[in-house]
Protein backbone atom coordinates (compact mmCIF):
# COMPACT_ATOMS: atom_id res chain seq x y z
CA MET A 1 5.82 15.16 21.89
CA SER A 2 2.19 15.80 21.11
CA VAL A 3 0.19 15.23 17.93
CA ALA A 4 -2.83 17.60 17.41
CA GLY A 5 -5.96 16.85 15.68
CA GLY A 6 -8.47 14.02 15.22
CA HIS A 7 -7.00 12.19 12.20
CA PRO A 8 -7.76 8.29 11.81
CA ILE A 9 -3.94 7.98 12.07
CA GLU A 10 -1.15 10.27 12.84
CA ALA A 11 2.35 9.40 13.74
CA ARG A 12 5.39 11.40 14.37
CA GLY A 13 9.00 10.08 14.76
CA LEU A 14 8.16 6.50 15.34
CA VAL A 15 11.33 4.62 16.03
CA LYS A 16 11.70 0.98 17.09
CA ARG A 17 15.07 -0.83 17.52
CA TYR A 18 16.11 -4.17 18.35
CA GLY A 19 19.37 -4.22 19.45
CA ALA A 20 21.61 -2.92 16.77
CA LEU A 21 18.67 -3.27 14.34
CA THR A 22 16.53 -0.18 13.69
CA ALA A 23 13.23 -1.85 12.31
CA VAL A 24 11.41 1.62 12.03
CA ASP A 25 13.41 4.68 11.30
CA HIS A 26 11.56 8.06 12.36
CA VAL A 27 8.33 7.22 10.30
CA ASP A 28 5.64 10.11 9.91
CA LEU A 29 2.11 8.94 8.74
CA THR A 30 -1.01 11.17 8.50
CA VAL A 31 -4.16 9.30 7.13
CA GLU A 32 -7.20 11.42 6.40
CA ALA A 33 -10.54 10.20 7.12
CA GLY A 34 -12.21 8.37 4.10
CA CYS A 35 -8.65 7.55 2.68
CA VAL A 36 -7.69 4.05 1.49
CA TYR A 37 -3.92 4.29 2.42
CA GLY A 38 -1.21 2.04 1.04
CA TYR A 39 1.63 1.31 3.54
CA LEU A 40 4.00 -0.35 1.06
CA GLY A 41 7.29 -1.96 1.11
CA PRO A 42 9.22 -5.39 0.42
CA ASN A 43 9.08 -8.19 3.13
CA GLY A 44 11.28 -6.87 6.22
CA ALA A 45 10.73 -3.25 5.67
CA GLY A 46 9.16 -2.57 8.89
CA LYS A 47 5.42 -2.58 8.09
CA THR A 48 4.16 -4.82 10.64
CA THR A 49 6.39 -3.19 13.30
CA SER A 50 4.94 0.08 12.37
CA LEU A 51 1.15 -1.46 12.70
CA ARG A 52 1.99 -2.60 16.13
CA MET A 53 3.25 0.63 17.38
CA LEU A 54 0.06 2.15 15.96
CA LEU A 55 -2.01 0.07 17.93
CA GLY A 56 -0.12 0.29 21.17
CA LEU A 57 1.00 -3.41 20.86
CA ILE A 58 4.48 -2.50 21.23
CA ARG A 59 6.12 0.55 22.55
CA PRO A 60 8.07 2.73 20.34
CA ASP A 61 11.73 3.81 21.11
CA GLU A 62 10.80 7.38 20.07
CA GLY A 63 7.91 9.26 18.67
CA VAL A 64 4.31 9.02 19.10
CA ALA A 65 1.18 7.54 17.37
CA ARG A 66 -2.23 8.44 17.83
CA LEU A 67 -5.62 7.16 16.38
CA PHE A 68 -8.48 9.65 16.22
CA GLY A 69 -6.35 11.93 18.36
CA ARG A 70 -5.55 9.53 21.18
CA ASP A 71 -2.66 7.40 22.14
CA PRO A 72 -3.26 3.92 22.78
CA LEU A 73 -0.03 3.72 25.06
CA GLN A 74 -1.70 6.28 27.35
CA GLU A 75 -5.49 5.58 26.88
CA GLY A 76 -5.43 1.95 26.42
CA ALA A 77 -8.56 0.21 25.07
CA ALA A 78 -10.48 3.59 24.97
CA ALA A 79 -7.88 4.74 21.96
CA LEU A 80 -9.06 1.86 20.01
CA ASP A 81 -12.79 2.47 19.88
CA GLY A 82 -13.61 2.87 16.21
CA VAL A 83 -10.48 1.01 15.09
CA ALA A 84 -10.25 -2.52 14.01
CA GLY A 85 -8.33 -4.99 11.82
CA PHE A 86 -5.56 -7.64 12.11
CA VAL A 87 -1.92 -7.61 12.24
CA GLU A 88 -0.23 -10.61 10.33
CA ALA A 89 -2.96 -13.24 10.10
CA PRO A 90 -6.14 -13.39 12.20
CA ARG A 91 -6.40 -16.17 14.81
CA PHE A 92 -9.62 -18.25 15.69
CA TYR A 93 -10.43 -21.63 17.58
CA PRO A 94 -10.33 -23.99 14.90
CA TYR A 95 -12.62 -26.46 16.56
CA LEU A 96 -15.42 -23.80 16.60
CA SER A 97 -17.66 -22.89 13.99
CA GLY A 98 -17.13 -19.38 12.31
CA ARG A 99 -20.32 -18.04 13.89
CA LYS A 100 -19.10 -19.27 17.54
CA ASN A 101 -15.94 -17.61 17.01
CA LEU A 102 -17.56 -14.42 16.19
CA GLU A 103 -20.11 -14.80 19.13
CA LEU A 104 -16.89 -14.99 21.78
CA MET A 105 -15.60 -11.85 20.16
CA ALA A 106 -18.72 -10.11 20.52
CA ALA A 107 -19.02 -10.84 24.15
CA LEU A 108 -15.76 -9.34 24.65
CA ASP A 109 -16.74 -6.21 22.81
CA GLY A 110 -19.89 -6.04 24.69
CA GLY A 111 -22.69 -3.51 23.57
CA ASP A 112 -24.44 -4.49 20.60
CA ALA A 113 -21.76 -6.13 18.75
CA ARG A 114 -23.62 -9.52 18.78
CA ASP A 115 -26.43 -7.63 16.69
CA ARG A 116 -23.97 -7.41 14.10
CA ILE A 117 -22.70 -10.87 13.45
CA ASP A 118 -25.20 -11.50 10.75
CA GLY A 119 -24.51 -8.40 8.83
CA ALA A 120 -20.79 -9.16 9.09
CA LEU A 121 -21.11 -12.61 7.83
CA ASP A 122 -23.25 -11.38 4.91
CA THR A 123 -20.67 -8.65 4.11
CA VAL A 124 -17.82 -11.36 3.77
CA ASP A 125 -20.08 -13.88 2.01
CA LEU A 126 -19.64 -16.29 4.86
CA ALA A 127 -23.34 -16.67 5.82
CA ASP A 128 -23.59 -20.07 4.32
CA ARG A 129 -20.49 -21.39 5.83
CA GLN A 130 -21.00 -19.91 9.36
CA THR A 131 -21.93 -23.22 11.11
CA ASP A 132 -18.75 -25.06 9.67
CA LYS A 133 -15.70 -25.36 11.92
CA VAL A 134 -12.99 -22.87 11.29
CA LYS A 135 -10.44 -25.77 10.80
CA GLY A 136 -11.99 -26.64 7.67
CA TYR A 137 -12.12 -23.06 6.28
CA SER A 138 -9.61 -22.24 3.27
CA HIS A 139 -6.81 -19.66 4.11
CA GLY A 140 -9.17 -17.05 2.12
CA MET A 141 -12.23 -17.64 4.14
CA LYS A 142 -10.17 -17.30 7.53
CA GLN A 143 -9.03 -14.01 6.03
CA ARG A 144 -12.48 -12.74 5.51
CA LEU A 145 -13.61 -14.04 8.90
CA GLY A 146 -11.08 -12.03 10.18
CA ILE A 147 -12.80 -8.94 8.52
CA ALA A 148 -16.00 -9.84 9.73
CA ALA A 149 -14.61 -10.05 13.50
CA ALA A 150 -13.20 -6.37 12.80
CA LEU A 151 -16.84 -5.10 11.49
CA LEU A 152 -18.30 -6.19 14.77
CA ARG A 153 -16.77 -3.08 16.05
CA ALA A 154 -18.64 -1.11 13.66
CA PRO A 155 -14.87 0.47 13.00
CA ARG A 156 -14.37 3.93 11.29
CA LEU A 157 -10.83 2.87 10.90
CA LEU A 158 -9.75 -0.75 9.34
CA LEU A 159 -6.30 -1.66 9.69
CA LEU A 160 -5.05 -4.74 7.34
CA ASP A 161 -1.65 -6.13 7.33
CA GLU A 162 -0.90 -8.16 4.06
CA PRO A 163 -4.85 -9.32 3.82
CA THR A 164 -4.22 -11.31 0.33
CA THR A 165 -0.84 -12.90 1.38
CA GLY A 166 -1.20 -16.84 0.61
CA LEU A 167 -4.60 -16.45 -1.38
CA ASP A 168 -5.20 -17.53 -4.73
CA PRO A 169 -6.04 -15.19 -7.67
CA ALA A 170 -9.84 -15.77 -7.07
CA GLY A 171 -9.31 -15.11 -3.24
CA MET A 172 -7.18 -12.25 -3.92
CA ARG A 173 -9.76 -10.60 -6.17
CA ASP A 174 -12.52 -11.24 -3.63
CA MET A 175 -10.50 -9.50 -1.04
CA ARG A 176 -9.93 -6.39 -3.01
CA LEU A 177 -13.50 -6.35 -3.93
CA LEU A 178 -14.27 -6.64 -0.30
CA VAL A 179 -11.82 -3.75 0.77
CA ARG A 180 -13.09 -1.64 -2.12
CA ARG A 181 -16.70 -1.93 -0.95
CA LEU A 182 -15.84 -1.00 2.51
CA ALA A 183 -13.98 2.06 1.56
CA ASP A 184 -16.94 2.88 -0.78
CA GLU A 185 -19.14 2.84 2.10
CA GLY A 186 -16.98 5.59 3.77
CA MET A 187 -14.58 3.45 5.84
CA THR A 188 -11.05 4.67 6.39
CA VAL A 189 -8.78 1.79 5.40
CA LEU A 190 -4.78 1.51 6.09
CA LEU A 191 -3.71 -1.44 3.78
CA SER A 192 0.03 -3.00 4.52
CA SER A 193 1.17 -4.65 1.52
CA HIS A 194 3.89 -5.72 -0.81
CA LEU A 195 1.76 -6.57 -3.70
CA MET A 196 1.74 -3.70 -6.12
CA GLY A 197 -1.57 -4.70 -8.13
CA GLU A 198 -3.81 -4.48 -4.99
CA VAL A 199 -2.29 -1.03 -3.82
CA GLU A 200 -2.72 0.50 -7.37
CA GLU A 201 -6.38 -0.68 -7.56
CA LEU A 202 -7.40 0.11 -4.03
CA CYS A 203 -5.38 3.26 -2.67
CA ASP A 204 -5.54 6.87 -2.87
CA ARG A 205 -2.39 7.45 -1.12
CA VAL A 206 0.75 5.60 -0.20
CA ALA A 207 3.72 5.48 2.06
CA ILE A 208 6.80 3.47 0.52
CA VAL A 209 9.16 2.11 3.23
CA ARG A 210 12.74 0.53 2.88
CA SER A 211 14.78 -0.35 5.62
CA GLY A 212 12.37 1.25 8.19
CA SER A 213 12.30 4.66 6.56
CA VAL A 214 9.63 6.28 4.29
CA ILE A 215 10.99 7.11 1.06
CA TYR A 216 7.84 8.31 -0.55
CA GLU A 217 4.70 9.84 0.99
CA GLY A 218 1.93 11.11 -0.96
CA ALA A 219 -0.99 10.75 -3.46
CA LEU A 220 -0.63 7.69 -5.75
CA ASP A 221 -1.39 9.45 -8.83
CA ALA A 222 1.33 11.85 -7.99
CA LEU A 223 3.67 9.14 -8.02
CA LEU A 224 2.64 7.67 -10.98
CA ARG A 225 2.80 11.08 -12.70
CA SER A 226 6.55 11.73 -11.33
CA THR A 227 8.77 10.31 -14.14
CA GLY A 228 6.66 12.30 -16.77
CA GLN A 229 4.86 10.88 -19.80
CA ARG A 230 6.19 7.52 -20.93
CA TYR A 231 5.67 5.86 -24.21
CA ARG A 232 5.77 2.23 -25.54
CA LEU A 233 7.37 1.89 -28.72
CA ARG A 234 7.29 -1.20 -31.13
CA THR A 235 9.10 -1.03 -34.65
CA THR A 236 10.40 -3.53 -37.34
CA ASP A 237 14.08 -3.35 -35.89
CA ASP A 238 13.94 -2.67 -32.16
CA GLU A 239 17.95 -2.98 -31.69
CA ARG A 240 18.29 0.01 -34.12
CA ALA A 241 15.38 1.96 -32.53
CA HIS A 242 16.94 1.66 -29.31
CA ALA A 243 20.10 3.31 -30.47
CA ILE A 244 18.13 6.09 -32.36
CA CYS A 245 15.96 6.74 -29.09
CA ARG A 246 19.21 7.00 -26.98
CA ALA A 247 20.55 9.63 -29.38
CA GLN A 248 17.46 11.60 -29.73
CA PRO A 249 17.16 14.98 -27.73
CA GLY A 250 14.47 15.02 -25.23
CA VAL A 251 13.97 11.33 -24.98
CA GLN A 252 14.98 9.62 -21.81
CA GLU A 253 15.23 6.38 -19.81
CA VAL A 254 15.02 4.10 -22.90
CA VAL A 255 14.28 0.55 -21.68
CA SER A 256 13.83 -2.56 -23.74
CA ALA A 257 10.46 -4.12 -22.57
CA GLY A 258 9.90 -7.72 -24.22
CA LYS A 259 8.70 -7.07 -27.63
CA GLY A 260 9.42 -3.20 -28.01
CA LEU A 261 10.79 -0.40 -25.96
CA THR A 262 9.61 2.17 -23.17
CA PHE A 263 11.14 5.71 -23.03
CA ALA A 264 9.95 8.95 -21.25
CA ALA A 265 9.53 12.27 -23.05
CA GLU A 266 8.57 15.57 -21.33
CA GLN A 267 7.58 17.20 -24.69
CA GLU A 268 5.42 15.90 -27.33
CA ARG A 269 7.83 17.55 -29.99
CA ALA A 270 10.48 15.09 -28.81
CA VAL A 271 8.21 12.13 -29.86
CA ALA A 272 7.18 13.57 -33.18
CA ASP A 273 10.99 14.37 -33.80
CA LEU A 274 11.79 10.62 -32.68
CA SER A 275 9.15 9.38 -35.27
CA VAL A 276 10.82 11.13 -38.24
CA ALA A 277 14.08 9.90 -37.19
CA LEU A 278 13.12 6.49 -37.16
CA VAL A 279 11.34 6.67 -40.53
CA GLU A 280 14.45 8.35 -42.07
CA ALA A 281 16.73 5.66 -40.68
CA GLY A 282 14.35 2.99 -42.52
CA VAL A 283 12.71 1.89 -39.11
CA ALA A 284 8.84 1.16 -39.65
CA ILE A 285 6.95 2.17 -36.35
CA THR A 286 4.35 -0.59 -35.70
CA ALA A 287 3.03 0.74 -32.53
CA LEU A 288 3.75 4.04 -30.52
CA VAL A 289 1.26 4.93 -27.60
CA PRO A 290 1.40 6.64 -24.23
CA ALA A 291 2.09 4.37 -21.22
CA ALA A 292 2.24 5.37 -17.62
CA ALA A 293 4.53 4.01 -15.46
CA SER A 294 3.27 1.23 -13.27
CA LEU A 295 3.47 1.27 -9.55
CA GLU A 296 5.53 -1.78 -9.71
CA GLU A 297 8.19 -0.14 -11.76
CA LEU A 298 8.20 2.73 -9.60
CA PHE A 299 8.17 0.72 -6.25
CA PHE A 300 11.42 -1.25 -7.66
CA ARG A 301 13.16 1.77 -8.70
CA LEU A 302 12.73 3.35 -5.17
CA THR A 303 13.42 0.25 -3.00
CA GLU A 304 16.12 -1.46 -5.13
CA GLY A 305 17.44 1.27 -7.48
CA ASP A 306 18.41 4.69 -7.36
CA GLY A 307 15.05 6.44 -7.02
CA LEU A 308 13.54 8.21 -9.50
CA PRO A 309 15.15 10.77 -12.22
CA GLY A 310 15.68 14.24 -10.90
CA GLN A 311 16.49 13.25 -7.34
CA ASN A 312 19.65 14.61 -5.83
CA GLY A 313 20.18 12.43 -2.59
CA ASP A 314 19.53 13.04 0.97
CA GLY A 315 18.85 16.51 0.62
CA ASP A 316 15.63 15.58 -0.76
CA ARG A 317 14.24 13.55 2.07
CA ALA A 318 12.74 16.53 4.06
CA ALA A 319 11.12 17.99 0.99
CA SER A 320 9.84 14.19 0.04
CA ALA A 321 8.07 14.07 3.40
CA ARG A 322 6.19 17.20 3.05
CA GLU A 323 5.19 17.46 -0.54
CA GLY A 324 5.12 13.64 -1.77
CA VAL A 325 8.26 13.73 -3.96
CA PRO A 326 10.19 10.58 -3.45
CA SER A 327 13.82 10.67 -2.19
CA SER A 328 16.70 8.53 -2.68
CA THR A 329 17.70 8.07 0.84
CA GLU A 330 18.34 4.54 1.91
CA ALA A 331 15.38 3.47 4.13
CA THR A 332 12.90 -1.46 6.18
CA ARG A 333 9.29 -3.59 6.79
């Protein structure tokens, strides 16, 4: 099997089995240049295994993966030119300073990698701590040092596997800002994560995986629009309002949400008719506002529920991969 073109990442039919377990099940991915691509799934969904196959660290049982048109299994290190990042957590010599670790890595890369050390340390805000031993670094500092090491290669493609795992809120914010800055400078980024907030904030396109299979691939904004227009409703009697919403034509997916309700409606007329029905029933509206479904809500519907409304099962899967329409097919990290 061959994959044409020079996309930063292009994979077709990737499969990896460990005995009776299929960790990755016929995964297709295409990442365009300049894209921030979210590879999203619960822990154990096959994300890290997929990244290892993309980088040639493990051999797929079926399928092919290419980086800028080159297969790491066939071309070795040459296929990784312009590619950097880390799978799982970056590793360093703890008894050496951050700078000394980068110097050793630059020596392995050769070329002018050593000349990029100062710039990389500035980019990740570690210039003031570069002479400290890594064993004294916080987890967030080690993650940022991992990105600095990647930047020594002047990459066009950066692969990051759960870069904010284990970070405190401030560390997560700093990592998101760093990734956003690199993307704004034109770098293509593949971000593997199970954290919805960072994906929704950073990514242009997403692939959502469950049980090793891709159950959605497409533009993030298309996924967020896929359930139609949603609304948040608060009233003086939410229990009665819930019953009225469920009985109202054109109003769907009524859900109690803390103080208030959420519902979907394809037509504004249905919302207007609902407002009249509530008032006629003596239920006063205190708030009624549009509210797009969050990525977290859609993620849980896809990975734990029955998919999104309007899906009709396994027959949707092929169309899903081509058109960015979620399928309800069972799918792992």
